[in-house]
Amino acid sequence: MAANKTLPTPADAQAYLSAIEDPVRRADCEALAALMEQVTGAPPVMWGAAIVGFGSYHYRYASGREGDAPLAGFASRKGDISIYLNCDTEARAALLAKLGRHKMGKGCLYVRRLADVDLSVLEELVRESIATIHSRNERTDP
């Protein structure tokens, strides 16, 4: 089985955020980092070269594949900020309806700017994602 490519690194998350060229995007990512740090109680850690993660959990799929992933995380991509969520529940659907302008993939929420979304709803989505992970009894670390 192939090893996971996205793992925690010793890279400085603040340096990653400071290097974001667009000042609005940089401020949005810094605000998102503060929100996720407050919700998780964990400091930012770089996962790979571009994901800022907070806390971690261990997963195991029915196929036998397993690994670790951040409890909450995001990445500044070319067009959008990718926010990694682990909840596919009715609660998520109701929250997304109130969030504001966004796109949703299987486990990734895409927002262009934080000004386009309701931050209190975004915070609740992050909390719901973490609660979903805990409900699966997956091992978590702050």
Protein backbone atom coordinates (compact mmCIF):
# COMPACT_ATOMS: atom_id res chain seq x y z
CA MET A 1 0.00 0.00 0.00
CA ALA A 2 1.36 3.43 -0.90
CA ALA A 3 2.45 5.75 1.89
CA ASN A 4 0.52 8.95 2.51
CA LYS A 5 2.11 11.97 0.86
CA THR A 6 0.57 14.68 3.03
CA LEU A 7 2.24 14.52 6.42
CA PRO A 8 3.09 17.09 9.10
CA THR A 9 6.35 18.90 8.43
CA PRO A 10 8.63 21.13 10.51
CA ALA A 11 7.96 24.05 8.11
CA ASP A 12 6.79 27.28 9.75
CA ALA A 13 3.07 27.85 9.22
CA GLN A 14 3.39 31.58 9.96
CA ALA A 15 6.07 31.87 7.27
CA TYR A 16 3.70 30.17 4.82
CA LEU A 17 0.94 32.64 5.69
CA SER A 18 3.29 35.64 5.53
CA ALA A 19 4.44 34.59 2.06
CA ILE A 20 0.93 34.84 0.56
CA GLU A 21 1.34 37.74 -1.87
CA ASP A 22 -2.22 39.06 -2.08
CA PRO A 23 -2.81 41.13 1.08
CA VAL A 24 -6.55 40.33 1.23
CA ARG A 25 -5.92 36.59 0.79
CA ARG A 26 -3.13 36.74 3.39
CA ALA A 27 -5.44 38.48 5.90
CA ASP A 28 -8.20 35.96 5.18
CA CYS A 29 -5.84 33.02 5.75
CA GLU A 30 -4.51 34.55 8.96
CA ALA A 31 -8.08 35.04 10.19
CA LEU A 32 -8.96 31.46 9.23
CA ALA A 33 -5.86 30.20 11.06
CA ALA A 34 -6.91 32.10 14.18
CA LEU A 35 -10.43 30.67 13.95
CA MET A 36 -9.20 27.10 13.56
CA GLU A 37 -6.64 27.45 16.34
CA GLN A 38 -9.35 28.76 18.66
CA VAL A 39 -11.78 25.96 17.76
CA THR A 40 -9.25 23.11 17.95
CA GLY A 41 -7.01 24.43 20.72
CA ALA A 42 -4.05 23.32 18.59
CA PRO A 43 -1.34 25.44 16.96
CA PRO A 44 -0.95 25.57 13.18
CA VAL A 45 1.27 22.90 11.62
CA MET A 46 2.21 22.61 7.96
CA TRP A 47 1.03 19.38 6.33
CA GLY A 48 3.01 19.00 3.16
CA ALA A 49 3.99 22.22 1.44
CA ALA A 50 0.64 24.00 1.38
CA ILE A 51 -1.87 22.79 4.00
CA VAL A 52 -2.11 24.55 7.35
CA GLY A 53 -3.50 21.97 9.76
CA PHE A 54 -4.67 22.03 13.37
CA GLY A 55 -4.62 18.95 15.57
CA SER A 56 -4.70 15.51 14.00
CA TYR A 57 -6.63 12.29 13.85
CA HIS A 58 -5.93 8.76 12.74
CA TYR A 59 -8.25 7.20 10.17
CA ARG A 60 -8.66 3.68 8.90
CA TYR A 61 -10.78 2.84 5.86
CA ALA A 62 -12.58 -0.46 5.31
CA SER A 63 -10.01 -1.14 2.57
CA GLY A 64 -7.28 -1.21 5.22
CA ARG A 65 -5.71 2.07 4.16
CA GLU A 66 -4.94 4.24 7.16
CA GLY A 67 -3.09 7.38 8.08
CA ASP A 68 -3.20 10.69 9.87
CA ALA A 69 -4.84 13.94 8.82
CA PRO A 70 -5.42 17.35 10.40
CA LEU A 71 -8.60 17.77 12.48
CA ALA A 72 -9.12 21.08 10.70
CA GLY A 73 -7.11 22.63 7.90
CA PHE A 74 -6.97 24.86 4.87
CA ALA A 75 -4.79 25.81 1.95
CA SER A 76 -4.51 28.99 -0.08
CA ARG A 77 -4.90 27.81 -3.66
CA LYS A 78 -4.73 29.81 -6.88
CA GLY A 79 -8.43 30.69 -7.10
CA ASP A 80 -9.92 29.87 -3.73
CA ILE A 81 -9.15 28.99 -0.16
CA SER A 82 -9.69 25.25 0.29
CA ILE A 83 -11.09 24.38 3.72
CA TYR A 84 -10.93 20.70 4.61
CA LEU A 85 -14.04 19.39 6.37
CA ASN A 86 -14.94 15.87 7.49
CA CYS A 87 -18.66 15.99 7.87
CA ASP A 88 -21.37 14.85 5.53
CA THR A 89 -24.41 15.27 7.71
CA GLU A 90 -27.78 16.96 7.63
CA ALA A 91 -26.34 19.58 9.97
CA ARG A 92 -23.68 20.42 7.38
CA ALA A 93 -26.28 20.83 4.64
CA ALA A 94 -28.28 23.24 6.80
CA LEU A 95 -25.15 25.23 7.68
CA LEU A 96 -23.98 25.40 4.07
CA ALA A 97 -27.36 26.87 3.11
CA LYS A 98 -26.63 29.76 5.51
CA LEU A 99 -22.90 30.13 4.79
CA GLY A 100 -22.86 32.48 1.83
CA ARG A 101 -20.96 32.24 -1.46
CA HIS A 102 -19.03 28.96 -1.65
CA LYS A 103 -18.50 25.74 -3.59
CA MET A 104 -18.47 22.32 -1.96
CA GLY A 105 -16.60 19.19 -2.98
CA LYS A 106 -16.71 15.82 -1.24
CA GLY A 107 -14.63 16.95 1.73
CA CYS A 108 -13.50 20.39 0.72
CA LEU A 109 -15.21 23.75 1.03
CA TYR A 110 -14.01 26.42 -1.40
CA VAL A 111 -14.37 30.13 -0.66
CA ARG A 112 -12.93 33.02 -2.61
CA ARG A 113 -12.88 35.52 0.27
CA LEU A 114 -13.97 35.36 3.90
CA ALA A 115 -16.03 38.50 3.26
CA ASP A 116 -18.30 36.30 1.10
CA VAL A 117 -19.29 34.02 4.01
CA ASP A 118 -20.78 34.22 7.49
CA LEU A 119 -17.83 33.55 9.82
CA SER A 120 -20.02 32.27 12.64
CA VAL A 121 -21.50 29.66 10.27
CA LEU A 122 -18.00 28.76 9.05
CA GLU A 123 -16.90 28.27 12.66
CA GLU A 124 -19.89 26.01 13.26
CA LEU A 125 -18.97 23.98 10.15
CA VAL A 126 -15.47 23.46 11.53
CA ARG A 127 -16.93 22.40 14.89
CA GLU A 128 -19.36 20.02 13.15
CA SER A 129 -16.49 18.50 11.18
CA ILE A 130 -14.49 17.85 14.36
CA ALA A 131 -17.56 16.41 16.11
CA THR A 132 -18.04 14.02 13.18
CA ILE A 133 -14.45 12.82 13.51
CA HIS A 134 -14.90 12.28 17.26
CA SER A 135 -18.20 10.43 16.71
CA ARG A 136 -16.38 7.91 14.50
CA ASN A 137 -14.16 7.14 17.50
CA GLU A 138 -11.08 8.02 15.53
CA ARG A 139 -8.02 8.77 17.64
CA THR A 140 -7.43 12.51 17.82
CA ASP A 141 -4.64 14.66 19.11
CA PRO A 142 -5.13 18.36 19.90
